[in-house]
């Protein structure tokens, strides 16, 4: 990896999210990530740390900021990405002002077998049911949540209140991304405010832009894994290790260029008047996911078991990145991209 690539993250003496502990126990990871998440949100509220809105002309700075947090801690990045994505959604869909001191999540997973219903009641909405994969369940104060209405799927802003919402015990057993704290949440007539109309969350241009923000987090995690490989190569000359490092550097350089191009394209057409946002998001996420998978494989083959067994920070990053990139749906997402290219008339 090149020196300039390694310096893309936040310098150690300017790290806005602190230095992680070595503990990898799930409860420790969750508590650590929650504390650092709150710290980052405090810096955002104070204007000391910026995540410009996508399409604002500074999308590259937004992606770089997400990358930098992820390079230090992927679980914290997952929480921060959800918070800044929520702020962007609220701005795009004219939602309620987020307010200072609030920590937001975006809980929009829709796997089979779980249902969250929104029922109109006296000029407001009440949410009842279960929502899976709610990152920051114990640390978010508010969330944007997709739920089913009589007219279709819609997005709602809801306060996380123990009287009306609670994490479901035993539904987040992950080792990788343990600190992201992503259990199911059970809602019981939780008051909520509609944000946009039916399907507005998915149809807005920012949905595609936000997916590229997630890819920037994956990229930051890959940079962190690659750092261990570079250190191994620096300690002892070995042609096989050098070859793995060279291959990793080339792939990471390409991924960085792809993200930079995507940022420029978003700023050139923030409202997606050209209709290219969906294909762009699918391409970028597929490419960055493939780079991350190769970095994980090559770093493991080059360094062996030692750093996984003796370097807790590296072991945790590998485990976290392995889980995090599974937000990419593999062949399903590639098939969607192929269909979009081959039969665009069928995918509108």
Protein backbone atom coordinates (compact mmCIF):
# COMPACT_ATOMS: atom_id res chain seq x y z
CA UNK A 1 0.00 0.00 0.00
CA UNK A 2 1.24 3.52 -0.75
CA UNK A 3 2.07 6.03 1.96
CA UNK A 4 -0.55 8.43 0.62
CA UNK A 5 -3.22 5.76 0.92
CA UNK A 6 -2.35 5.00 4.51
CA UNK A 7 -2.49 8.70 5.36
CA UNK A 8 -6.04 8.97 4.02
CA UNK A 9 -7.44 8.25 7.49
CA UNK A 10 -7.34 10.51 10.53
CA UNK A 11 -3.84 10.87 12.04
CA UNK A 12 -3.45 9.20 15.42
CA UNK A 13 -2.95 12.50 17.25
CA UNK A 14 -6.12 13.89 15.64
CA UNK A 15 -8.29 10.79 15.90
CA UNK A 16 -11.84 12.07 16.56
CA UNK A 17 -13.06 8.70 17.77
CA UNK A 18 -10.25 7.71 20.13
CA UNK A 19 -8.15 4.57 20.35
CA UNK A 20 -10.09 1.32 20.77
CA UNK A 21 -9.51 -1.01 23.66
CA UNK A 22 -8.13 -4.46 22.99
CA UNK A 23 -11.15 -6.20 24.53
CA UNK A 24 -13.25 -8.16 22.07
CA UNK A 25 -16.03 -9.42 24.36
CA UNK A 26 -19.42 -8.55 22.83
CA UNK A 27 -20.55 -6.41 25.79
CA UNK A 28 -17.22 -4.57 25.84
CA UNK A 29 -17.37 -4.01 22.09
CA UNK A 30 -20.90 -2.65 22.33
CA UNK A 31 -20.08 -0.31 25.22
CA UNK A 32 -16.92 0.92 23.52
CA UNK A 33 -18.66 1.58 20.21
CA UNK A 34 -21.56 3.34 21.93
CA UNK A 35 -19.22 5.66 23.81
CA UNK A 36 -17.23 6.53 20.71
CA UNK A 37 -20.42 6.97 18.69
CA UNK A 38 -21.67 9.50 21.23
CA UNK A 39 -18.30 11.27 21.06
CA UNK A 40 -18.44 11.58 17.27
CA UNK A 41 -22.03 12.86 17.34
CA UNK A 42 -20.97 15.45 19.90
CA UNK A 43 -18.21 16.64 17.58
CA UNK A 44 -20.69 16.81 14.68
CA UNK A 45 -23.13 18.85 16.76
CA UNK A 46 -20.32 21.19 17.82
CA UNK A 47 -19.27 21.72 14.20
CA UNK A 48 -15.85 20.18 14.81
CA UNK A 49 -16.39 17.22 12.50
CA UNK A 50 -18.21 17.48 9.16
CA UNK A 51 -20.05 14.96 7.01
CA UNK A 52 -21.35 17.13 4.14
CA UNK A 53 -24.66 16.12 2.63
CA UNK A 54 -24.43 13.91 -0.47
CA UNK A 55 -24.81 15.96 -3.62
CA UNK A 56 -23.79 19.15 -1.83
CA UNK A 57 -20.64 19.60 -3.89
CA UNK A 58 -18.58 17.99 -1.13
CA UNK A 59 -19.58 14.36 -1.44
CA UNK A 60 -15.92 13.30 -1.64
CA UNK A 61 -15.34 14.88 1.79
CA UNK A 62 -18.33 12.96 3.16
CA UNK A 63 -16.98 9.66 1.86
CA UNK A 64 -13.49 10.44 3.18
CA UNK A 65 -14.89 11.22 6.63
CA UNK A 66 -16.77 7.90 6.71
CA UNK A 67 -13.66 6.08 5.49
CA UNK A 68 -11.57 7.66 8.24
CA UNK A 69 -13.92 6.56 11.02
CA UNK A 70 -14.11 3.05 9.54
CA UNK A 71 -10.33 2.79 9.33
CA UNK A 72 -10.25 3.23 13.10
CA UNK A 73 -13.31 1.14 14.05
CA UNK A 74 -15.88 -0.44 11.75
CA UNK A 75 -18.56 -0.76 14.42
CA UNK A 76 -18.35 2.93 15.23
CA UNK A 77 -18.46 3.65 11.50
CA UNK A 78 -21.64 1.60 11.17
CA UNK A 79 -23.30 3.73 13.85
CA UNK A 80 -21.94 7.02 12.54
CA UNK A 81 -22.95 6.15 8.97
CA UNK A 82 -26.50 5.49 10.16
CA UNK A 83 -26.61 8.80 12.00
CA UNK A 84 -25.35 10.94 9.13
CA UNK A 85 -27.52 9.00 6.67
CA UNK A 86 -30.54 9.82 8.83
CA UNK A 87 -29.61 13.51 8.79
CA UNK A 88 -29.39 13.39 4.99
CA UNK A 89 -32.76 11.62 4.69
CA UNK A 90 -34.46 14.12 6.98
CA UNK A 91 -33.07 16.96 4.88
CA UNK A 92 -34.04 15.32 1.59
CA UNK A 93 -37.59 14.39 2.62
CA UNK A 94 -38.30 17.50 4.73
CA UNK A 95 -38.55 15.50 7.92
CA UNK A 96 -38.64 16.90 11.45
CA UNK A 97 -35.49 18.79 12.54
CA UNK A 98 -33.06 16.26 14.06
CA UNK A 99 -32.04 18.54 16.95
CA UNK A 100 -28.74 18.56 18.87
CA UNK A 101 -27.78 15.82 21.27
CA UNK A 102 -29.75 13.16 19.39
CA UNK A 103 -28.21 9.97 18.00
CA UNK A 104 -30.06 8.61 14.99
CA UNK A 105 -30.24 5.22 13.35
CA UNK A 106 -31.78 4.09 10.07
CA UNK A 107 -33.63 0.81 10.57
CA UNK A 108 -34.94 -0.22 7.17
CA UNK A 109 -34.13 -3.93 6.79
CA UNK A 110 -37.04 -5.94 5.35
CA UNK A 111 -36.18 -9.66 5.56
CA UNK A 112 -38.98 -12.21 5.24
CA UNK A 113 -40.83 -13.22 8.36
CA UNK A 114 -40.83 -9.92 10.29
CA UNK A 115 -43.43 -7.18 10.17
CA UNK A 116 -43.67 -3.70 11.58
CA UNK A 117 -47.06 -2.05 11.11
CA UNK A 118 -47.86 1.67 11.20
CA UNK A 119 -51.43 2.55 12.17
CA UNK A 120 -52.90 6.06 11.92
CA UNK A 121 -54.31 7.34 15.20
CA UNK A 122 -55.49 10.85 16.12
CA UNK A 123 -53.30 12.67 13.62
CA UNK A 124 -50.18 10.62 14.33
CA UNK A 125 -48.94 7.08 13.70
CA UNK A 126 -48.37 4.16 16.04
CA UNK A 127 -45.75 1.48 15.28
CA UNK A 128 -46.32 -2.09 16.41
CA UNK A 129 -44.26 -5.18 15.60
CA UNK A 130 -40.65 -6.20 15.19
CA UNK A 131 -37.92 -4.56 13.12
CA UNK A 132 -34.70 -6.59 12.58
CA UNK A 133 -31.08 -5.41 12.38
CA UNK A 134 -31.46 -2.19 14.37
CA UNK A 135 -27.87 -0.98 14.68
CA UNK A 136 -27.32 1.12 17.77
CA UNK A 137 -30.41 -0.30 19.46
CA UNK A 138 -29.09 0.52 22.94
CA UNK A 139 -27.42 3.83 22.05
CA UNK A 140 -29.63 5.59 19.50
CA UNK A 141 -32.11 8.13 20.86
CA UNK A 142 -34.13 8.20 17.63
CA UNK A 143 -34.48 6.22 14.43
CA UNK A 144 -35.90 6.36 10.95
CA UNK A 145 -37.85 3.12 10.54
CA UNK A 146 -39.66 1.61 7.57
CA UNK A 147 -43.09 0.18 8.37
CA UNK A 148 -46.16 -1.12 6.57
CA UNK A 149 -49.17 1.20 6.26
CA UNK A 150 -52.57 0.48 4.70
CA UNK A 151 -51.29 2.23 1.52
CA UNK A 152 -47.85 0.64 1.40
CA UNK A 153 -44.36 0.86 2.88
CA UNK A 154 -43.37 4.22 4.40
CA UNK A 155 -40.70 5.78 6.59
CA UNK A 156 -41.24 7.09 10.11
CA UNK A 157 -39.25 9.02 12.69
CA UNK A 158 -39.58 7.46 16.11
CA UNK A 159 -38.00 8.15 19.49
CA UNK A 160 -36.38 5.15 21.17
CA UNK A 161 -38.38 4.99 24.40
CA UNK A 162 -38.25 1.95 26.69
CA UNK A 163 -41.97 2.36 27.34
CA UNK A 164 -42.79 1.64 23.70
CA UNK A 165 -39.69 0.01 22.17
CA UNK A 166 -37.08 -2.44 23.38
CA UNK A 167 -34.31 -4.66 21.97
CA UNK A 168 -35.24 -8.33 21.69
CA UNK A 169 -32.84 -10.37 23.81
CA UNK A 170 -30.72 -12.93 22.00
CA UNK A 171 -31.25 -11.58 18.47
CA UNK A 172 -27.71 -10.24 17.95
CA UNK A 173 -25.21 -13.02 18.57
CA UNK A 174 -22.58 -11.74 16.15
CA UNK A 175 -18.86 -11.89 16.84
CA UNK A 176 -17.97 -9.75 13.84
CA UNK A 177 -19.67 -6.33 14.16
CA UNK A 178 -20.68 -7.16 17.72
CA UNK A 179 -20.20 -3.51 18.66
CA UNK A 180 -22.71 -2.36 16.05
CA UNK A 181 -25.39 -3.59 18.50
CA UNK A 182 -27.91 -4.67 15.84
CA UNK A 183 -30.62 -6.78 17.49
CA UNK A 184 -34.30 -6.86 16.58
CA UNK A 185 -36.42 -4.10 18.12
CA UNK A 186 -39.95 -4.67 19.33
CA UNK A 187 -42.33 -1.72 19.10
CA UNK A 188 -45.59 -1.50 21.03
CA UNK A 189 -47.76 1.41 19.85
CA UNK A 190 -44.73 3.68 19.58
CA UNK A 191 -45.72 7.22 18.46
CA UNK A 192 -44.09 8.13 15.16
CA UNK A 193 -44.02 10.89 12.53
CA UNK A 194 -44.27 10.07 8.83
CA UNK A 195 -41.26 11.19 6.77
CA UNK A 196 -42.17 11.46 3.09
CA UNK A 197 -44.92 9.46 1.41
CA UNK A 198 -45.31 5.79 0.54
CA UNK A 199 -42.08 4.44 -0.97
CA UNK A 200 -40.44 7.88 -0.77
CA UNK A 201 -37.51 6.43 1.18
CA UNK A 202 -36.59 4.04 -1.63
CA UNK A 203 -37.45 6.29 -4.58
CA UNK A 204 -35.43 9.35 -3.53
CA UNK A 205 -32.03 9.82 -5.24
CA UNK A 206 -30.29 9.87 -1.89
CA UNK A 207 -31.05 6.19 -1.34
CA UNK A 208 -28.49 5.32 -3.98
CA UNK A 209 -26.04 7.94 -2.73
CA UNK A 210 -26.28 6.51 0.78
CA UNK A 211 -25.34 3.04 -0.40
CA UNK A 212 -22.05 4.43 -1.67
CA UNK A 213 -21.43 5.85 1.81
CA UNK A 214 -21.61 2.30 3.16
CA UNK A 215 -19.05 1.23 0.54
CA UNK A 216 -16.74 4.00 1.79
CA UNK A 217 -16.94 2.40 5.24
CA UNK A 218 -16.04 -1.00 3.79
CA UNK A 219 -13.09 0.62 2.05
CA UNK A 220 -11.86 2.11 5.32
CA UNK A 221 -11.98 -1.32 6.92
CA UNK A 222 -9.97 -2.80 4.06
CA UNK A 223 -7.32 -0.10 4.52
CA UNK A 224 -7.03 -1.10 8.19
CA UNK A 225 -6.62 -4.80 7.32
CA UNK A 226 -4.02 -3.94 4.68
CA UNK A 227 -1.99 -1.97 7.20
CA UNK A 228 -1.18 -5.22 9.02
CA UNK A 229 -0.01 -6.74 5.73
CA UNK A 230 2.23 -3.76 5.04
CA UNK A 231 3.79 -3.97 8.50
CA UNK A 232 4.49 -7.67 7.95
CA UNK A 233 6.19 -6.92 4.63
CA UNK A 234 8.28 -4.16 6.21
CA UNK A 235 9.58 -6.45 8.95
CA UNK A 236 10.95 -9.17 6.66
CA UNK A 237 11.70 -9.33 2.95
CA UNK A 238 9.67 -12.12 1.36
CA UNK A 239 8.64 -12.19 -2.30
CA UNK A 240 5.28 -13.82 -1.60
CA UNK A 241 4.33 -11.25 1.03
CA UNK A 242 5.52 -8.47 -1.27
CA UNK A 243 3.40 -9.86 -4.11
CA UNK A 244 0.31 -9.95 -1.91
CA UNK A 245 0.99 -6.38 -0.76
CA UNK A 246 1.46 -5.20 -4.34
CA UNK A 247 -1.82 -6.79 -5.42
CA UNK A 248 -3.65 -5.32 -2.43
CA UNK A 249 -2.25 -1.85 -3.09
CA UNK A 250 -3.35 -1.95 -6.73
CA UNK A 251 -6.88 -3.01 -5.81
CA UNK A 252 -7.22 -0.45 -3.03
CA UNK A 253 -5.94 2.29 -5.30
CA UNK A 254 -8.62 1.35 -7.83
CA UNK A 255 -11.34 1.27 -5.17
CA UNK A 256 -10.34 4.72 -3.98
CA UNK A 257 -10.52 6.02 -7.55
CA UNK A 258 -13.97 4.45 -8.04
CA UNK A 259 -15.28 6.13 -4.88
CA UNK A 260 -13.80 9.47 -5.92
CA UNK A 261 -15.44 9.23 -9.35
CA UNK A 262 -18.77 8.28 -7.80
CA UNK A 263 -18.59 11.32 -5.50
CA UNK A 264 -17.96 13.61 -8.47
CA UNK A 265 -20.84 12.07 -10.42
CA UNK A 266 -23.21 12.51 -7.46
CA UNK A 267 -22.25 16.17 -7.15
CA UNK A 268 -22.74 16.66 -10.90
CA UNK A 269 -26.28 15.21 -10.75
CA UNK A 270 -27.52 15.14 -7.14
CA UNK A 271 -31.18 14.72 -8.13
CA UNK A 272 -30.37 11.89 -10.57
CA UNK A 273 -31.96 13.62 -13.53
CA UNK A 274 -29.84 11.40 -15.78
CA UNK A 275 -31.14 8.22 -14.17
CA UNK A 276 -27.72 6.70 -13.52
CA UNK A 277 -27.75 6.53 -9.71
CA UNK A 278 -28.97 2.95 -9.34
CA UNK A 279 -26.43 1.48 -11.73
CA UNK A 280 -23.69 3.59 -10.13
CA UNK A 281 -24.56 2.37 -6.65
CA UNK A 282 -24.65 -1.26 -7.71
CA UNK A 283 -21.33 -0.99 -9.56
CA UNK A 284 -19.51 0.81 -6.76
CA UNK A 285 -20.75 -1.48 -4.02
CA UNK A 286 -19.98 -4.61 -6.05
CA UNK A 287 -16.47 -3.46 -6.86
CA UNK A 288 -15.58 -2.27 -3.37
CA UNK A 289 -16.99 -5.48 -1.85
CA UNK A 290 -14.82 -7.55 -4.18
CA UNK A 291 -11.75 -5.51 -3.23
CA UNK A 292 -12.48 -5.99 0.47
CA UNK A 293 -12.87 -9.74 -0.01
CA UNK A 294 -9.54 -9.91 -1.84
CA UNK A 295 -7.78 -7.83 0.81
CA UNK A 296 -9.09 -10.15 3.53
CA UNK A 297 -7.96 -13.22 1.60
CA UNK A 298 -4.52 -11.93 0.65
CA UNK A 299 -3.75 -10.50 4.08
CA UNK A 300 -4.67 -13.84 5.64
CA UNK A 301 -2.59 -15.86 3.19
CA UNK A 302 0.41 -13.57 3.52
CA UNK A 303 0.47 -13.19 7.31
CA UNK A 304 -0.93 -16.53 8.43
CA UNK A 305 -2.66 -17.05 11.75
CA UNK A 306 -0.30 -14.98 13.91
CA UNK A 307 -1.99 -11.56 13.70
CA UNK A 308 -5.42 -13.18 14.01
CA UNK A 309 -4.28 -14.92 17.19
CA UNK A 310 -2.04 -12.25 18.76
CA UNK A 311 -3.28 -8.87 17.52
CA UNK A 312 -6.77 -8.24 18.94
CA UNK A 313 -7.34 -5.09 16.96
CA UNK A 314 -6.52 -6.76 13.64
CA UNK A 315 -8.55 -9.86 14.52
CA UNK A 316 -11.55 -7.72 15.36
CA UNK A 317 -11.22 -5.67 12.16
CA UNK A 318 -11.08 -8.85 10.06
CA UNK A 319 -14.15 -10.26 11.79
CA UNK A 320 -16.03 -6.96 11.52
CA UNK A 321 -15.24 -6.42 7.84
CA UNK A 322 -16.19 -10.01 6.99
CA UNK A 323 -19.66 -9.40 8.41
CA UNK A 324 -20.06 -5.80 7.24
CA UNK A 325 -19.50 -6.50 3.55
CA UNK A 326 -22.33 -8.99 3.64
CA UNK A 327 -24.61 -5.98 3.40
CA UNK A 328 -23.76 -6.50 -0.24
CA UNK A 329 -26.08 -9.21 -1.50
CA UNK A 330 -23.58 -10.89 -3.78
CA UNK A 331 -24.96 -12.46 -6.92
CA UNK A 332 -28.41 -11.03 -6.23
CA UNK A 333 -27.05 -7.47 -6.52
CA UNK A 334 -24.95 -8.43 -9.56
CA UNK A 335 -28.01 -9.95 -11.20
CA UNK A 336 -29.94 -6.73 -10.57
CA UNK A 337 -27.14 -4.73 -12.21
CA UNK A 338 -27.09 -7.09 -15.19
CA UNK A 339 -30.86 -6.89 -15.63
CA UNK A 340 -30.74 -3.11 -15.37
CA UNK A 341 -28.17 -2.97 -18.15
CA UNK A 342 -29.77 -5.58 -20.40
CA UNK A 343 -33.44 -4.70 -19.95
CA UNK A 344 -33.72 -1.17 -18.53
CA UNK A 345 -37.36 -0.96 -19.60
CA UNK A 346 -38.21 -3.79 -17.19
CA UNK A 347 -36.52 -2.28 -14.12
CA UNK A 348 -38.16 1.14 -13.94
